Amino acid sequence: MTVAPIRIPLSQLARGQRATVECSALDSLPNEHRCLLAAMGMGEQCEVRVCRPGTPCIVQIDRTRLGLPHGIADRIMVTPIESTSP
């Protein structure tokens, strides 16, 4: 039996935690928000790292940092990436 990956709101991640965003995770956002996030690098299978939780929620995508209002970070569903450190 295959267990589906756990998806949680981006706003629930802690500082330093990483996660994967799937394109479908942005479907609950208005089209103009999806287009703006895509232009800033948040797209299909993108990996984000939380630099600062809260408002704004600051995430890093590659070398770009984005500040997201809580209302948007709360609607972006992500799959946390397990830490590989012992």
PDB file of N, CA and C in Angstrom:
ATOM      1  N   MET A   1       0.843  -1.179   0.000  1.00  0.00           N
ATOM      2  CA  MET A   1       0.000   0.000   0.000  1.00  0.00           C
ATOM      3  C   MET A   1       0.887   1.241   0.000  1.00  0.00           C
ATOM      4  N   THR A   2       0.637   2.163  -0.921  1.00  0.00           N
ATOM      5  CA  THR A   2       1.398   3.391  -1.030  1.00  0.00           C
ATOM      6  C   THR A   2       0.692   4.484  -0.241  1.00  0.00           C
ATOM      7  N   VAL A   3       1.455   5.190   0.583  1.00  0.00           N
ATOM      8  CA  VAL A   3       0.902   6.271   1.374  1.00  0.00           C
ATOM      9  C   VAL A   3       1.128   7.581   0.621  1.00  0.00           C
ATOM     10  N   ALA A   4       0.058   8.356   0.489  1.00  0.00           N
ATOM     11  CA  ALA A   4       0.166   9.639  -0.198  1.00  0.00           C
ATOM     12  C   ALA A   4       0.999  10.602   0.644  1.00  0.00           C
ATOM     13  N   PRO A   5       1.804  11.443   0.004  1.00  0.00           N
ATOM     14  CA  PRO A   5       2.605  12.400   0.761  1.00  0.00           C
ATOM     15  C   PRO A   5       1.708  13.377   1.524  1.00  0.00           C
ATOM     16  N   ILE A   6       2.162  13.791   2.682  1.00  0.00           N
ATOM     17  CA  ILE A   6       1.413  14.738   3.499  1.00  0.00           C
ATOM     18  C   ILE A   6       1.589  16.127   2.913  1.00  0.00           C
ATOM     19  N   ARG A   7       0.480  16.824   2.724  1.00  0.00           N
ATOM     20  CA  ARG A   7       0.518  18.193   2.225  1.00  0.00           C
ATOM     21  C   ARG A   7      -0.039  19.099   3.310  1.00  0.00           C
ATOM     22  N   ILE A   8       0.696  20.149   3.616  1.00  0.00           N
ATOM     23  CA  ILE A   8       0.274  21.107   4.630  1.00  0.00           C
ATOM     24  C   ILE A   8       0.419  22.519   4.075  1.00  0.00           C
ATOM     25  N   PRO A   9      -0.233  23.494   4.696  1.00  0.00           N
ATOM     26  CA  PRO A   9      -0.048  24.876   4.246  1.00  0.00           C
ATOM     27  C   PRO A   9       1.390  25.344   4.466  1.00  0.00           C
ATOM     28  N   LEU A  10       1.913  26.107   3.544  1.00  0.00           N
ATOM     29  CA  LEU A  10       3.250  26.664   3.642  1.00  0.00           C
ATOM     30  C   LEU A  10       3.424  27.430   4.954  1.00  0.00           C
ATOM     31  N   SER A  11       2.374  28.059   5.419  1.00  0.00           N
ATOM     32  CA  SER A  11       2.428  28.857   6.648  1.00  0.00           C
ATOM     33  C   SER A  11       2.720  28.022   7.892  1.00  0.00           C
ATOM     34  N   GLN A  12       2.594  26.693   7.813  1.00  0.00           N
ATOM     35  CA  GLN A  12       2.820  25.835   8.971  1.00  0.00           C
ATOM     36  C   GLN A  12       4.257  25.318   9.075  1.00  0.00           C
ATOM     37  N   LEU A  13       5.103  25.641   8.109  1.00  0.00           N
ATOM     38  CA  LEU A  13       6.493  25.199   8.170  1.00  0.00           C
ATOM     39  C   LEU A  13       7.287  26.078   9.131  1.00  0.00           C
ATOM     40  N   ALA A  14       8.301  25.490   9.740  1.00  0.00           N
ATOM     41  CA  ALA A  14       9.173  26.208  10.666  1.00  0.00           C
ATOM     42  C   ALA A  14      10.384  26.767   9.930  1.00  0.00           C
ATOM     43  N   ARG A  15      11.096  27.668  10.580  1.00  0.00           N
ATOM     44  CA  ARG A  15      12.318  28.250  10.008  1.00  0.00           C
ATOM     45  C   ARG A  15      13.288  27.140   9.606  1.00  0.00           C
ATOM     46  N   GLY A  16      13.826  27.233   8.390  1.00  0.00           N
ATOM     47  CA  GLY A  16      14.792  26.264   7.892  1.00  0.00           C
ATOM     48  C   GLY A  16      14.179  25.035   7.250  1.00  0.00           C
ATOM     49  N   GLN A  17      12.897  24.829   7.441  1.00  0.00           N
ATOM     50  CA  GLN A  17      12.247  23.648   6.869  1.00  0.00           C
ATOM     51  C   GLN A  17      12.092  23.830   5.363  1.00  0.00           C
ATOM     52  N   ARG A  18      12.259  22.726   4.629  1.00  0.00           N
ATOM     53  CA  ARG A  18      12.133  22.739   3.170  1.00  0.00           C
ATOM     54  C   ARG A  18      10.897  21.953   2.762  1.00  0.00           C
ATOM     55  N   ALA A  19      10.362  22.299   1.588  1.00  0.00           N
ATOM     56  CA  ALA A  19       9.182  21.612   1.084  1.00  0.00           C
ATOM     57  C   ALA A  19       9.116  21.760  -0.429  1.00  0.00           C
ATOM     58  N   THR A  20       8.314  20.918  -1.040  1.00  0.00           N
ATOM     59  CA  THR A  20       8.082  20.963  -2.478  1.00  0.00           C
ATOM     60  C   THR A  20       6.679  21.493  -2.741  1.00  0.00           C
ATOM     61  N   VAL A  21       6.586  22.422  -3.675  1.00  0.00           N
ATOM     62  CA  VAL A  21       5.304  22.981  -4.091  1.00  0.00           C
ATOM     63  C   VAL A  21       4.958  22.363  -5.437  1.00  0.00           C
ATOM     64  N   GLU A  22       3.751  21.842  -5.564  1.00  0.00           N
ATOM     65  CA  GLU A  22       3.294  21.349  -6.858  1.00  0.00           C
ATOM     66  C   GLU A  22       2.405  22.409  -7.484  1.00  0.00           C
ATOM     67  N   CYS A  23       2.367  22.446  -8.778  1.00  0.00           N
ATOM     68  CA  CYS A  23       1.576  23.452  -9.478  1.00  0.00           C
ATOM     69  C   CYS A  23       0.124  23.432  -9.004  1.00  0.00           C
ATOM     70  N   SER A  24      -0.433  22.248  -8.800  1.00  0.00           N
ATOM     71  CA  SER A  24      -1.828  22.138  -8.364  1.00  0.00           C
ATOM     72  C   SER A  24      -2.036  22.730  -6.974  1.00  0.00           C
ATOM     73  N   ALA A  25      -0.940  22.881  -6.207  1.00  0.00           N
ATOM     74  CA  ALA A  25      -1.037  23.449  -4.863  1.00  0.00           C
ATOM     75  C   ALA A  25      -1.375  24.932  -4.912  1.00  0.00           C
ATOM     76  N   LEU A  26      -1.231  25.550  -6.058  1.00  0.00           N
ATOM     77  CA  LEU A  26      -1.518  26.973  -6.208  1.00  0.00           C
ATOM     78  C   LEU A  26      -2.910  27.231  -6.764  1.00  0.00           C
ATOM     79  N   ASP A  27      -3.657  26.158  -7.044  1.00  0.00           N
ATOM     80  CA  ASP A  27      -4.961  26.299  -7.690  1.00  0.00           C
ATOM     81  C   ASP A  27      -5.965  27.109  -6.887  1.00  0.00           C
ATOM     82  N   SER A  28      -5.825  27.148  -5.566  1.00  0.00           N
ATOM     83  CA  SER A  28      -6.794  27.874  -4.750  1.00  0.00           C
ATOM     84  C   SER A  28      -6.560  29.383  -4.776  1.00  0.00           C
ATOM     85  N   LEU A  29      -5.460  29.821  -5.381  1.00  0.00           N
ATOM     86  CA  LEU A  29      -5.144  31.247  -5.444  1.00  0.00           C
ATOM     87  C   LEU A  29      -5.754  31.886  -6.685  1.00  0.00           C
ATOM     88  N   PRO A  30      -6.072  33.174  -6.605  1.00  0.00           N
ATOM     89  CA  PRO A  30      -6.541  33.881  -7.806  1.00  0.00           C
ATOM     90  C   PRO A  30      -5.482  33.824  -8.906  1.00  0.00           C
ATOM     91  N   ASN A  31      -5.913  33.877 -10.143  1.00  0.00           N
ATOM     92  CA  ASN A  31      -5.018  33.757 -11.293  1.00  0.00           C
ATOM     93  C   ASN A  31      -3.888  34.775 -11.256  1.00  0.00           C
ATOM     94  N   GLU A  32      -4.167  36.028 -10.857  1.00  0.00           N
ATOM     95  CA  GLU A  32      -3.109  37.041 -10.841  1.00  0.00           C
ATOM     96  C   GLU A  32      -2.021  36.704  -9.818  1.00  0.00           C
ATOM     97  N   HIS A  33      -2.398  36.081  -8.695  1.00  0.00           N
ATOM     98  CA  HIS A  33      -1.403  35.662  -7.708  1.00  0.00           C
ATOM     99  C   HIS A  33      -0.564  34.501  -8.244  1.00  0.00           C
ATOM    100  N   ARG A  34      -1.224  33.535  -8.896  1.00  0.00           N
ATOM    101  CA  ARG A  34      -0.493  32.400  -9.472  1.00  0.00           C
ATOM    102  C   ARG A  34       0.518  32.875 -10.498  1.00  0.00           C
ATOM    103  N   CYS A  35       0.113  33.795 -11.361  1.00  0.00           N
ATOM    104  CA  CYS A  35       1.017  34.306 -12.405  1.00  0.00           C
ATOM    105  C   CYS A  35       2.197  35.045 -11.786  1.00  0.00           C
ATOM    106  N   LEU A  36       1.944  35.856 -10.766  1.00  0.00           N
ATOM    107  CA  LEU A  36       3.016  36.599 -10.112  1.00  0.00           C
ATOM    108  C   LEU A  36       3.990  35.655  -9.419  1.00  0.00           C
ATOM    109  N   LEU A  37       3.480  34.648  -8.705  1.00  0.00           N
ATOM    110  CA  LEU A  37       4.346  33.672  -8.037  1.00  0.00           C
ATOM    111  C   LEU A  37       5.170  32.889  -9.056  1.00  0.00           C
ATOM    112  N   ALA A  38       4.552  32.522 -10.175  1.00  0.00           N
ATOM    113  CA  ALA A  38       5.277  31.792 -11.225  1.00  0.00           C
ATOM    114  C   ALA A  38       6.403  32.660 -11.788  1.00  0.00           C
ATOM    115  N   ALA A  39       6.146  33.943 -11.966  1.00  0.00           N
ATOM    116  CA  ALA A  39       7.169  34.849 -12.487  1.00  0.00           C
ATOM    117  C   ALA A  39       8.343  34.983 -11.520  1.00  0.00           C
ATOM    118  N   MET A  40       8.096  34.755 -10.224  1.00  0.00           N
ATOM    119  CA  MET A  40       9.153  34.856  -9.220  1.00  0.00           C
ATOM    120  C   MET A  40       9.793  33.510  -8.901  1.00  0.00           C
ATOM    121  N   GLY A  41       9.412  32.471  -9.665  1.00  0.00           N
ATOM    122  CA  GLY A  41      10.082  31.185  -9.519  1.00  0.00           C
ATOM    123  C   GLY A  41       9.312  30.089  -8.826  1.00  0.00           C
ATOM    124  N   MET A  42       8.115  30.380  -8.319  1.00  0.00           N
ATOM    125  CA  MET A  42       7.336  29.348  -7.645  1.00  0.00           C
ATOM    126  C   MET A  42       6.475  28.641  -8.680  1.00  0.00           C
ATOM    127  N   GLY A  43       6.976  27.496  -9.152  1.00  0.00           N
ATOM    128  CA  GLY A  43       6.285  26.760 -10.193  1.00  0.00           C
ATOM    129  C   GLY A  43       6.272  25.278  -9.925  1.00  0.00           C
ATOM    130  N   GLU A  44       6.041  24.508 -10.959  1.00  0.00           N
ATOM    131  CA  GLU A  44       5.930  23.051 -10.878  1.00  0.00           C
ATOM    132  C   GLU A  44       7.134  22.429 -10.191  1.00  0.00           C
ATOM    133  N   GLN A  45       6.879  21.666  -9.152  1.00  0.00           N
ATOM    134  CA  GLN A  45       7.888  20.919  -8.393  1.00  0.00           C
ATOM    135  C   GLN A  45       8.996  21.806  -7.840  1.00  0.00           C
ATOM    136  N   CYS A  46       8.689  23.053  -7.540  1.00  0.00           N
ATOM    137  CA  CYS A  46       9.720  23.938  -7.002  1.00  0.00           C
ATOM    138  C   CYS A  46       9.941  23.623  -5.523  1.00  0.00           C
ATOM    139  N   GLU A  47      11.182  23.801  -5.099  1.00  0.00           N
ATOM    140  CA  GLU A  47      11.542  23.571  -3.702  1.00  0.00           C
ATOM    141  C   GLU A  47      11.699  24.910  -3.004  1.00  0.00           C
ATOM    142  N   VAL A  48      11.078  25.040  -1.836  1.00  0.00           N
ATOM    143  CA  VAL A  48      11.183  26.266  -1.053  1.00  0.00           C
ATOM    144  C   VAL A  48      11.805  25.954   0.304  1.00  0.00           C
ATOM    145  N   ARG A  49      12.454  26.961   0.870  1.00  0.00           N
ATOM    146  CA  ARG A  49      12.983  26.854   2.231  1.00  0.00           C
ATOM    147  C   ARG A  49      12.473  28.060   3.002  1.00  0.00           C
ATOM    148  N   VAL A  50      11.958  27.822   4.201  1.00  0.00           N
ATOM    149  CA  VAL A  50      11.426  28.919   5.009  1.00  0.00           C
ATOM    150  C   VAL A  50      12.586  29.646   5.691  1.00  0.00           C
ATOM    151  N   CYS A  51      12.711  30.929   5.385  1.00  0.00           N
ATOM    152  CA  CYS A  51      13.732  31.761   6.027  1.00  0.00           C
ATOM    153  C   CYS A  51      13.173  32.384   7.300  1.00  0.00           C
ATOM    154  N   ARG A  52      11.891  32.751   7.255  1.00  0.00           N
ATOM    155  CA  ARG A  52      11.238  33.320   8.420  1.00  0.00           C
ATOM    156  C   ARG A  52       9.747  33.021   8.354  1.00  0.00           C
ATOM    157  N   PRO A  53       9.239  32.249   9.317  1.00  0.00           N
ATOM    158  CA  PRO A  53       7.798  32.018   9.355  1.00  0.00           C
ATOM    159  C   PRO A  53       7.089  33.271   9.870  1.00  0.00           C
ATOM    160  N   GLY A  54       5.800  33.313   9.729  1.00  0.00           N
ATOM    161  CA  GLY A  54       5.036  34.451  10.241  1.00  0.00           C
ATOM    162  C   GLY A  54       4.538  35.335   9.128  1.00  0.00           C
ATOM    163  N   THR A  55       4.364  36.615   9.454  1.00  0.00           N
ATOM    164  CA  THR A  55       3.846  37.570   8.487  1.00  0.00           C
ATOM    165  C   THR A  55       4.832  38.702   8.327  1.00  0.00           C
ATOM    166  N   PRO A  56       5.421  38.882   7.161  1.00  0.00           N
ATOM    167  CA  PRO A  56       5.276  37.994   6.016  1.00  0.00           C
ATOM    168  C   PRO A  56       6.078  36.708   6.221  1.00  0.00           C
ATOM    169  N   CYS A  57       5.645  35.664   5.545  1.00  0.00           N
ATOM    170  CA  CYS A  57       6.377  34.399   5.535  1.00  0.00           C
ATOM    171  C   CYS A  57       7.439  34.551   4.445  1.00  0.00           C
ATOM    172  N   ILE A  58       8.699  34.513   4.845  1.00  0.00           N
ATOM    173  CA  ILE A  58       9.779  34.701   3.869  1.00  0.00           C
ATOM    174  C   ILE A  58      10.333  33.337   3.483  1.00  0.00           C
ATOM    175  N   VAL A  59      10.263  33.045   2.184  1.00  0.00           N
ATOM    176  CA  VAL A  59      10.753  31.769   1.671  1.00  0.00           C
ATOM    177  C   VAL A  59      11.833  32.032   0.633  1.00  0.00           C
ATOM    178  N   GLN A  60      12.701  31.044   0.473  1.00  0.00           N
ATOM    179  CA  GLN A  60      13.750  31.129  -0.536  1.00  0.00           C
ATOM    180  C   GLN A  60      13.510  30.074  -1.584  1.00  0.00           C
ATOM    181  N   ILE A  61      13.585  30.508  -2.851  1.00  0.00           N
ATOM    182  CA  ILE A  61      13.494  29.621  -4.010  1.00  0.00           C
ATOM    183  C   ILE A  61      14.767  29.857  -4.802  1.00  0.00           C
ATOM    184  N   ASP A  62      15.614  28.842  -4.877  1.00  0.00           N
ATOM    185  CA  ASP A  62      16.940  29.011  -5.472  1.00  0.00           C
ATOM    186  C   ASP A  62      17.645  30.154  -4.737  1.00  0.00           C
ATOM    187  N   ARG A  63      17.946  31.259  -5.439  1.00  0.00           N
ATOM    188  CA  ARG A  63      18.629  32.385  -4.787  1.00  0.00           C
ATOM    189  C   ARG A  63      17.702  33.571  -4.552  1.00  0.00           C
ATOM    190  N   THR A  64      16.416  33.365  -4.749  1.00  0.00           N
ATOM    191  CA  THR A  64      15.441  34.438  -4.603  1.00  0.00           C
ATOM    192  C   THR A  64      14.650  34.269  -3.322  1.00  0.00           C
ATOM    193  N   ARG A  65      14.445  35.364  -2.598  1.00  0.00           N
ATOM    194  CA  ARG A  65      13.609  35.336  -1.397  1.00  0.00           C
ATOM    195  C   ARG A  65      12.322  36.096  -1.671  1.00  0.00           C
ATOM    196  N   LEU A  66      11.214  35.497  -1.220  1.00  0.00           N
ATOM    197  CA  LEU A  66       9.901  36.102  -1.398  1.00  0.00           C
ATOM    198  C   LEU A  66       9.251  36.302  -0.039  1.00  0.00           C
ATOM    199  N   GLY A  67       8.596  37.430   0.143  1.00  0.00           N
ATOM    200  CA  GLY A  67       7.803  37.668   1.340  1.00  0.00           C
ATOM    201  C   GLY A  67       6.338  37.489   0.987  1.00  0.00           C
ATOM    202  N   LEU A  68       5.700  36.516   1.620  1.00  0.00           N
ATOM    203  CA  LEU A  68       4.310  36.203   1.305  1.00  0.00           C
ATOM    204  C   LEU A  68       3.391  36.578   2.468  1.00  0.00           C
ATOM    205  N   PRO A  69       2.292  37.263   2.195  1.00  0.00           N
ATOM    206  CA  PRO A  69       1.326  37.534   3.257  1.00  0.00           C
ATOM    207  C   PRO A  69       0.777  36.213   3.801  1.00  0.00           C
ATOM    208  N   HIS A  70       0.367  36.226   5.065  1.00  0.00           N
ATOM    209  CA  HIS A  70      -0.128  35.000   5.695  1.00  0.00           C
ATOM    210  C   HIS A  70      -1.290  34.389   4.899  1.00  0.00           C
ATOM    211  N   GLY A  71      -2.182  35.230   4.379  1.00  0.00           N
ATOM    212  CA  GLY A  71      -3.333  34.726   3.633  1.00  0.00           C
ATOM    213  C   GLY A  71      -2.947  33.922   2.406  1.00  0.00           C
ATOM    214  N   ILE A  72      -1.834  34.272   1.784  1.00  0.00           N
ATOM    215  CA  ILE A  72      -1.363  33.521   0.618  1.00  0.00           C
ATOM    216  C   ILE A  72      -0.570  32.298   1.055  1.00  0.00           C
ATOM    217  N   ALA A  73       0.342  32.468   2.015  1.00  0.00           N
ATOM    218  CA  ALA A  73       1.146  31.334   2.501  1.00  0.00           C
ATOM    219  C   ALA A  73       0.250  30.245   3.079  1.00  0.00           C
ATOM    220  N   ASP A  74      -0.877  30.634   3.636  1.00  0.00           N
ATOM    221  CA  ASP A  74      -1.809  29.676   4.232  1.00  0.00           C
ATOM    222  C   ASP A  74      -2.554  28.869   3.168  1.00  0.00           C
ATOM    223  N   ARG A  75      -2.616  29.379   1.943  1.00  0.00           N
ATOM    224  CA  ARG A  75      -3.350  28.701   0.867  1.00  0.00           C
ATOM    225  C   ARG A  75      -2.450  27.898  -0.065  1.00  0.00           C
ATOM    226  N   ILE A  76      -1.124  28.009   0.101  1.00  0.00           N
ATOM    227  CA  ILE A  76      -0.185  27.255  -0.736  1.00  0.00           C
ATOM    228  C   ILE A  76       0.128  25.940  -0.032  1.00  0.00           C
ATOM    229  N   MET A  77      -0.293  24.845  -0.620  1.00  0.00           N
ATOM    230  CA  MET A  77      -0.079  23.530  -0.025  1.00  0.00           C
ATOM    231  C   MET A  77       1.274  22.974  -0.487  1.00  0.00           C
ATOM    232  N   VAL A  78       2.045  22.453   0.477  1.00  0.00           N
ATOM    233  CA  VAL A  78       3.384  21.941   0.195  1.00  0.00           C
ATOM    234  C   VAL A  78       3.569  20.554   0.815  1.00  0.00           C
ATOM    235  N   THR A  79       4.543  19.838   0.312  1.00  0.00           N
ATOM    236  CA  THR A  79       4.943  18.536   0.858  1.00  0.00           C
ATOM    237  C   THR A  79       6.299  18.729   1.522  1.00  0.00           C
ATOM    238  N   PRO A  80       6.352  18.625   2.859  1.00  0.00           N
ATOM    239  CA  PRO A  80       7.642  18.799   3.551  1.00  0.00           C
ATOM    240  C   PRO A  80       8.673  17.786   3.082  1.00  0.00           C
ATOM    241  N   ILE A  81       9.930  18.235   3.028  1.00  0.00           N
ATOM    242  CA  ILE A  81      11.055  17.375   2.657  1.00  0.00           C
ATOM    243  C   ILE A  81      11.737  16.966   3.954  1.00  0.00           C
ATOM    244  N   GLU A  82      11.899  15.672   4.118  1.00  0.00           N
ATOM    245  CA  GLU A  82      12.537  15.164   5.328  1.00  0.00           C
ATOM    246  C   GLU A  82      13.995  15.602   5.383  1.00  0.00           C
ATOM    247  N   SER A  83      14.441  15.984   6.549  1.00  0.00           N
ATOM    248  CA  SER A  83      15.836  16.377   6.745  1.00  0.00           C
ATOM    249  C   SER A  83      16.707  15.126   6.672  1.00  0.00           C
ATOM    250  N   THR A  84      17.868  15.258   6.052  1.00  0.00           N
ATOM    251  CA  THR A  84      18.781  14.116   5.927  1.00  0.00           C
ATOM    252  C   THR A  84      19.839  14.120   7.027  1.00  0.00           C
ATOM    253  N   SER A  85      19.803  15.146   7.903  1.00  0.00           N
ATOM    254  CA  SER A  85      20.807  15.185   8.969  1.00  0.00           C
ATOM    255  C   SER A  85      20.426  14.233  10.090  1.00  0.00           C
ATOM    256  N   PRO A  86      21.428  13.668  10.810  1.00  0.00           N
ATOM    257  CA  PRO A  86      21.141  12.686  11.862  1.00  0.00           C
ATOM    258  C   PRO A  86      20.454  13.282  13.054  1.00  0.00           C
TER     259      PRO A  86
END
